Amino acid sequence: MYNKIAQALVPYLPEGWEHVVMYAHVKPDVYEIYFYVMVDNKYVNCFAMEQDYGITRKEVMACFDEIYEILYPDYEDKEWYSATVRLTNEGDLVMYYDYDDHTEDEIEYREAWKEKYLQA
């Protein structure tokens, strides 16, 4: 699964990327996936790459469709709330799971996620 995630992400990362941090929240037939990629010592949101890197929103969404297909069986097995993937340009991949339901505090949860995982 880890190799498949990496293979799905890498074609949609800009040249010179250092590492990427991806958030995934999947359920039956629906998902929320996004990532931040470190380029030149700054994080770039996956949906803000078109102007500087030529990677379109449509391409990013196709990547996420593929990642959903990879992650959903894992979600069915473990029923996690969210998964975070950290991938370096050297091929090191680590996956973190959160099993607590954050439906009621989603906004705060996302802010805490950014603070936790988006450290340079």
N, C-alpha and C. Protein backbone atom coordinates (compact mmCIF):
# COMPACT_ATOMS: atom_id res chain seq x y z
N MET A 1 0.82 -1.19 0.00
CA MET A 1 0.00 0.00 0.00
C MET A 1 0.87 1.27 0.00
N TYR A 2 1.93 1.29 0.80
CA TYR A 2 2.78 2.47 0.88
C TYR A 2 3.40 2.81 -0.47
N ASN A 3 3.90 1.80 -1.16
CA ASN A 3 4.50 2.05 -2.48
C ASN A 3 3.47 2.59 -3.46
N LYS A 4 2.25 2.08 -3.39
CA LYS A 4 1.19 2.55 -4.29
C LYS A 4 0.85 4.00 -4.02
N ILE A 5 0.82 4.38 -2.75
CA ILE A 5 0.55 5.78 -2.40
C ILE A 5 1.66 6.67 -2.97
N ALA A 6 2.89 6.27 -2.75
CA ALA A 6 4.02 7.05 -3.25
C ALA A 6 3.97 7.16 -4.78
N GLN A 7 3.69 6.05 -5.44
CA GLN A 7 3.63 6.06 -6.90
C GLN A 7 2.50 6.95 -7.41
N ALA A 8 1.41 7.04 -6.66
CA ALA A 8 0.30 7.89 -7.06
C ALA A 8 0.63 9.37 -6.85
N LEU A 9 1.36 9.70 -5.79
CA LEU A 9 1.65 11.09 -5.46
C LEU A 9 2.77 11.71 -6.29
N VAL A 10 3.85 11.00 -6.46
CA VAL A 10 5.07 11.58 -7.03
C VAL A 10 4.86 12.25 -8.40
N PRO A 11 4.09 11.69 -9.31
CA PRO A 11 3.92 12.37 -10.60
C PRO A 11 3.27 13.76 -10.50
N TYR A 12 2.62 14.04 -9.38
CA TYR A 12 1.91 15.30 -9.20
C TYR A 12 2.63 16.25 -8.26
N LEU A 13 3.90 16.01 -8.04
CA LEU A 13 4.71 16.89 -7.19
C LEU A 13 5.65 17.70 -8.07
N PRO A 14 5.87 18.95 -7.69
CA PRO A 14 6.72 19.81 -8.52
C PRO A 14 8.19 19.42 -8.44
N GLU A 15 8.92 19.77 -9.46
CA GLU A 15 10.36 19.53 -9.47
C GLU A 15 11.00 20.23 -8.27
N GLY A 16 11.94 19.57 -7.64
CA GLY A 16 12.63 20.14 -6.50
C GLY A 16 11.92 19.96 -5.17
N TRP A 17 10.87 19.13 -5.14
CA TRP A 17 10.16 18.92 -3.88
C TRP A 17 11.04 18.21 -2.87
N GLU A 18 10.84 18.53 -1.60
CA GLU A 18 11.64 17.94 -0.53
C GLU A 18 10.87 16.85 0.21
N HIS A 19 9.67 17.18 0.63
CA HIS A 19 8.78 16.18 1.22
C HIS A 19 7.34 16.65 1.07
N VAL A 20 6.43 15.72 1.26
CA VAL A 20 5.01 16.01 1.13
C VAL A 20 4.30 15.43 2.35
N VAL A 21 3.29 16.15 2.82
CA VAL A 21 2.46 15.69 3.93
C VAL A 21 1.03 15.67 3.42
N MET A 22 0.41 14.49 3.45
CA MET A 22 -0.94 14.32 2.90
C MET A 22 -1.92 13.95 4.00
N TYR A 23 -3.07 14.58 3.99
CA TYR A 23 -4.18 14.29 4.90
C TYR A 23 -5.24 13.52 4.12
N ALA A 24 -5.78 12.47 4.73
CA ALA A 24 -6.85 11.70 4.08
C ALA A 24 -7.92 11.33 5.09
N HIS A 25 -9.16 11.63 4.74
CA HIS A 25 -10.33 11.24 5.51
C HIS A 25 -11.25 10.56 4.51
N VAL A 26 -11.42 9.25 4.62
CA VAL A 26 -12.21 8.51 3.64
C VAL A 26 -13.38 7.81 4.31
N LYS A 27 -14.44 7.71 3.56
CA LYS A 27 -15.66 7.00 3.95
C LYS A 27 -16.18 6.30 2.69
N PRO A 28 -17.21 5.49 2.82
CA PRO A 28 -17.77 4.87 1.61
C PRO A 28 -18.21 5.93 0.60
N ASP A 29 -17.66 5.87 -0.58
CA ASP A 29 -18.03 6.72 -1.72
C ASP A 29 -17.73 8.20 -1.56
N VAL A 30 -16.95 8.58 -0.56
CA VAL A 30 -16.61 9.99 -0.38
C VAL A 30 -15.25 10.11 0.31
N TYR A 31 -14.54 11.18 -0.01
CA TYR A 31 -13.25 11.38 0.64
C TYR A 31 -12.91 12.85 0.69
N GLU A 32 -11.99 13.16 1.59
CA GLU A 32 -11.35 14.46 1.64
C GLU A 32 -9.85 14.17 1.72
N ILE A 33 -9.15 14.57 0.70
CA ILE A 33 -7.71 14.35 0.64
C ILE A 33 -7.08 15.65 0.18
N TYR A 34 -5.98 16.02 0.79
CA TYR A 34 -5.19 17.15 0.33
C TYR A 34 -3.77 16.97 0.82
N PHE A 35 -2.86 17.72 0.23
CA PHE A 35 -1.48 17.64 0.69
C PHE A 35 -0.81 19.00 0.61
N TYR A 36 0.27 19.09 1.34
CA TYR A 36 1.17 20.23 1.30
C TYR A 36 2.53 19.68 0.92
N VAL A 37 3.16 20.32 -0.04
CA VAL A 37 4.47 19.87 -0.49
C VAL A 37 5.50 20.95 -0.16
N MET A 38 6.62 20.51 0.40
CA MET A 38 7.71 21.43 0.74
C MET A 38 8.58 21.63 -0.50
N VAL A 39 8.66 22.88 -0.95
CA VAL A 39 9.50 23.27 -2.08
C VAL A 39 10.20 24.56 -1.67
N ASP A 40 11.51 24.59 -1.81
CA ASP A 40 12.29 25.78 -1.46
C ASP A 40 12.00 26.24 -0.03
N ASN A 41 11.95 25.28 0.89
CA ASN A 41 11.74 25.55 2.32
C ASN A 41 10.41 26.22 2.66
N LYS A 42 9.39 26.01 1.81
CA LYS A 42 8.06 26.50 2.15
C LYS A 42 7.03 25.47 1.69
N TYR A 43 5.93 25.40 2.46
CA TYR A 43 4.85 24.49 2.09
C TYR A 43 3.95 25.13 1.05
N VAL A 44 3.59 24.33 0.06
CA VAL A 44 2.68 24.77 -0.99
C VAL A 44 1.46 23.86 -0.93
N ASN A 45 0.27 24.46 -0.87
CA ASN A 45 -0.97 23.70 -0.87
C ASN A 45 -1.17 23.05 -2.24
N CYS A 46 -1.66 21.83 -2.24
CA CYS A 46 -1.82 21.07 -3.49
C CYS A 46 -2.71 21.78 -4.50
N PHE A 47 -3.65 22.60 -4.02
CA PHE A 47 -4.55 23.28 -4.94
C PHE A 47 -4.02 24.65 -5.39
N ALA A 48 -2.79 24.98 -4.99
CA ALA A 48 -2.19 26.25 -5.36
C ALA A 48 -0.94 26.05 -6.21
N MET A 49 -0.84 24.92 -6.90
CA MET A 49 0.39 24.60 -7.63
C MET A 49 0.32 24.94 -9.11
N GLU A 50 -0.86 25.26 -9.61
CA GLU A 50 -0.99 25.44 -11.06
C GLU A 50 -0.17 26.62 -11.58
N GLN A 51 -0.26 27.75 -10.95
CA GLN A 51 0.43 28.93 -11.47
C GLN A 51 1.95 28.77 -11.46
N ASP A 52 2.51 28.30 -10.36
CA ASP A 52 3.96 28.21 -10.25
C ASP A 52 4.55 26.92 -10.81
N TYR A 53 3.76 25.84 -10.80
CA TYR A 53 4.33 24.54 -11.16
C TYR A 53 3.60 23.83 -12.30
N GLY A 54 2.49 24.39 -12.77
CA GLY A 54 1.77 23.82 -13.90
C GLY A 54 1.01 22.54 -13.59
N ILE A 55 0.77 22.25 -12.32
CA ILE A 55 0.02 21.06 -11.92
C ILE A 55 -1.41 21.51 -11.64
N THR A 56 -2.34 21.06 -12.46
CA THR A 56 -3.70 21.57 -12.40
C THR A 56 -4.52 20.90 -11.30
N ARG A 57 -5.60 21.57 -10.93
CA ARG A 57 -6.55 21.04 -9.95
C ARG A 57 -7.12 19.69 -10.46
N LYS A 58 -7.40 19.62 -11.75
CA LYS A 58 -7.93 18.39 -12.34
C LYS A 58 -6.94 17.24 -12.17
N GLU A 59 -5.66 17.51 -12.37
CA GLU A 59 -4.63 16.48 -12.19
C GLU A 59 -4.55 16.04 -10.72
N VAL A 60 -4.61 17.02 -9.82
CA VAL A 60 -4.56 16.71 -8.39
C VAL A 60 -5.76 15.85 -8.00
N MET A 61 -6.94 16.18 -8.50
CA MET A 61 -8.15 15.41 -8.17
C MET A 61 -8.05 13.98 -8.73
N ALA A 62 -7.46 13.81 -9.90
CA ALA A 62 -7.26 12.46 -10.45
C ALA A 62 -6.32 11.67 -9.54
N CYS A 63 -5.29 12.32 -9.03
CA CYS A 63 -4.39 11.68 -8.07
C CYS A 63 -5.16 11.23 -6.84
N PHE A 64 -6.04 12.10 -6.33
CA PHE A 64 -6.80 11.77 -5.13
C PHE A 64 -7.79 10.63 -5.37
N ASP A 65 -8.36 10.57 -6.55
CA ASP A 65 -9.24 9.43 -6.88
C ASP A 65 -8.46 8.13 -6.77
N GLU A 66 -7.25 8.14 -7.29
CA GLU A 66 -6.40 6.95 -7.24
C GLU A 66 -6.02 6.61 -5.79
N ILE A 67 -5.68 7.61 -5.02
CA ILE A 67 -5.31 7.38 -3.62
C ILE A 67 -6.50 6.87 -2.81
N TYR A 68 -7.69 7.38 -3.10
CA TYR A 68 -8.89 6.87 -2.43
C TYR A 68 -9.04 5.36 -2.66
N GLU A 69 -8.84 4.93 -3.89
CA GLU A 69 -8.96 3.50 -4.21
C GLU A 69 -7.91 2.67 -3.46
N ILE A 70 -6.77 3.26 -3.20
CA ILE A 70 -5.71 2.57 -2.46
C ILE A 70 -6.04 2.53 -0.97
N LEU A 71 -6.52 3.65 -0.43
CA LEU A 71 -6.74 3.76 1.01
C LEU A 71 -8.03 3.13 1.51
N TYR A 72 -9.07 3.12 0.69
CA TYR A 72 -10.37 2.67 1.20
C TYR A 72 -10.34 1.26 1.79
N PRO A 73 -9.70 0.27 1.17
CA PRO A 73 -9.65 -1.05 1.81
C PRO A 73 -8.98 -1.02 3.19
N ASP A 74 -7.97 -0.18 3.36
CA ASP A 74 -7.31 -0.03 4.65
C ASP A 74 -8.27 0.57 5.67
N TYR A 75 -9.05 1.56 5.25
CA TYR A 75 -10.06 2.17 6.12
C TYR A 75 -11.09 1.11 6.54
N GLU A 76 -11.53 0.30 5.60
CA GLU A 76 -12.52 -0.75 5.92
C GLU A 76 -11.98 -1.71 6.97
N ASP A 77 -10.70 -2.03 6.89
CA ASP A 77 -10.08 -2.94 7.86
C ASP A 77 -9.94 -2.31 9.24
N LYS A 78 -9.56 -1.04 9.28
CA LYS A 78 -9.16 -0.42 10.55
C LYS A 78 -10.11 0.66 11.05
N GLU A 79 -10.97 1.19 10.18
CA GLU A 79 -11.93 2.24 10.51
C GLU A 79 -11.30 3.42 11.24
N TRP A 80 -10.26 3.97 10.65
CA TRP A 80 -9.62 5.17 11.18
C TRP A 80 -10.40 6.40 10.75
N TYR A 81 -10.24 7.48 11.50
CA TYR A 81 -10.89 8.74 11.15
C TYR A 81 -10.09 9.46 10.07
N SER A 82 -8.78 9.52 10.26
CA SER A 82 -7.93 10.15 9.25
C SER A 82 -6.58 9.45 9.21
N ALA A 83 -5.94 9.60 8.09
CA ALA A 83 -4.59 9.07 7.91
C ALA A 83 -3.73 10.21 7.40
N THR A 84 -2.51 10.27 7.90
CA THR A 84 -1.55 11.26 7.45
C THR A 84 -0.35 10.52 6.89
N VAL A 85 0.07 10.93 5.72
CA VAL A 85 1.21 10.33 5.05
C VAL A 85 2.30 11.39 4.93
N ARG A 86 3.50 11.01 5.30
CA ARG A 86 4.66 11.88 5.11
C ARG A 86 5.64 11.12 4.22
N LEU A 87 5.96 11.71 3.06
CA LEU A 87 6.83 11.09 2.07
C LEU A 87 7.96 12.05 1.76
N THR A 88 9.20 11.55 1.83
CA THR A 88 10.35 12.38 1.48
C THR A 88 10.78 12.09 0.04
N ASN A 89 11.56 13.00 -0.52
CA ASN A 89 12.05 12.80 -1.88
C ASN A 89 13.09 11.68 -1.96
N GLU A 90 13.49 11.15 -0.81
CA GLU A 90 14.39 10.00 -0.78
C GLU A 90 13.62 8.68 -0.70
N GLY A 91 12.30 8.76 -0.68
CA GLY A 91 11.48 7.57 -0.70
C GLY A 91 11.03 7.06 0.66
N ASP A 92 11.34 7.78 1.73
CA ASP A 92 10.89 7.37 3.06
C ASP A 92 9.44 7.78 3.24
N LEU A 93 8.60 6.82 3.63
CA LEU A 93 7.19 7.08 3.82
C LEU A 93 6.77 6.59 5.19
N VAL A 94 6.07 7.46 5.92
CA VAL A 94 5.53 7.12 7.23
C VAL A 94 4.05 7.46 7.19
N MET A 95 3.24 6.59 7.80
CA MET A 95 1.80 6.81 7.83
C MET A 95 1.34 6.83 9.28
N TYR A 96 0.55 7.83 9.61
CA TYR A 96 -0.01 7.99 10.96
C TYR A 96 -1.53 7.90 10.87
N TYR A 97 -2.14 7.21 11.83
CA TYR A 97 -3.59 7.06 11.86
C TYR A 97 -4.15 7.76 13.09
N ASP A 98 -5.33 8.35 12.94
CA ASP A 98 -6.08 8.90 14.06
C ASP A 98 -7.42 8.17 14.09
N TYR A 99 -7.71 7.53 15.19
CA TYR A 99 -8.93 6.74 15.32
C TYR A 99 -10.05 7.48 16.04
N ASP A 100 -9.77 8.64 16.60
CA ASP A 100 -10.79 9.41 17.31
C ASP A 100 -11.68 10.13 16.31
N ASP A 101 -12.97 10.16 16.60
CA ASP A 101 -13.94 10.83 15.73
C ASP A 101 -13.88 12.33 16.00
N HIS A 102 -13.60 13.11 14.97
CA HIS A 102 -13.51 14.56 15.10
C HIS A 102 -14.61 15.28 14.33
N THR A 103 -15.71 14.60 14.12
CA THR A 103 -16.81 15.19 13.38
C THR A 103 -17.30 16.48 14.03
N GLU A 104 -17.35 16.49 15.34
CA GLU A 104 -17.88 17.65 16.06
C GLU A 104 -16.87 18.79 16.18
N ASP A 105 -15.60 18.53 15.99
CA ASP A 105 -14.58 19.58 16.14
C ASP A 105 -13.65 19.63 14.93
N GLU A 106 -14.22 19.47 13.76
CA GLU A 106 -13.44 19.34 12.53
C GLU A 106 -12.54 20.55 12.27
N ILE A 107 -13.03 21.75 12.48
CA ILE A 107 -12.22 22.94 12.20
C ILE A 107 -11.01 22.99 13.13
N GLU A 108 -11.23 22.77 14.40
CA GLU A 108 -10.13 22.77 15.36
C GLU A 108 -9.15 21.63 15.06
N TYR A 109 -9.71 20.48 14.67
CA TYR A 109 -8.88 19.32 14.35
C TYR A 109 -7.94 19.63 13.18
N ARG A 110 -8.46 20.27 12.14
CA ARG A 110 -7.63 20.61 10.98
C ARG A 110 -6.52 21.59 11.35
N GLU A 111 -6.84 22.56 12.18
CA GLU A 111 -5.82 23.52 12.61
C GLU A 111 -4.74 22.81 13.43
N ALA A 112 -5.15 21.93 14.32
CA ALA A 112 -4.19 21.17 15.13
C ALA A 112 -3.35 20.26 14.24
N TRP A 113 -3.97 19.68 13.21
CA TRP A 113 -3.24 18.82 12.27
C TRP A 113 -2.14 19.62 11.57
N LYS A 114 -2.47 20.82 11.10
CA LYS A 114 -1.48 21.66 10.44
C LYS A 114 -0.32 21.99 11.37
N GLU A 115 -0.66 22.35 12.60
CA GLU A 115 0.40 22.68 13.56
C GLU A 115 1.30 21.47 13.85
N LYS A 116 0.71 20.30 13.90
CA LYS A 116 1.46 19.10 14.22
C LYS A 116 2.34 18.63 13.06
N TYR A 117 1.78 18.60 11.86
CA TYR A 117 2.47 17.96 10.73
C TYR A 117 3.20 18.90 9.79
N LEU A 118 2.88 20.17 9.82
CA LEU A 118 3.51 21.09 8.87
C LEU A 118 4.64 21.88 9.53
N GLN A 119 5.51 21.16 10.16
CA GLN A 119 6.71 21.76 10.72
C GLN A 119 7.87 21.51 9.76
N ALA A 120 8.60 22.55 9.43
CA ALA A 120 9.69 22.43 8.45
C ALA A 120 10.80 21.52 8.89
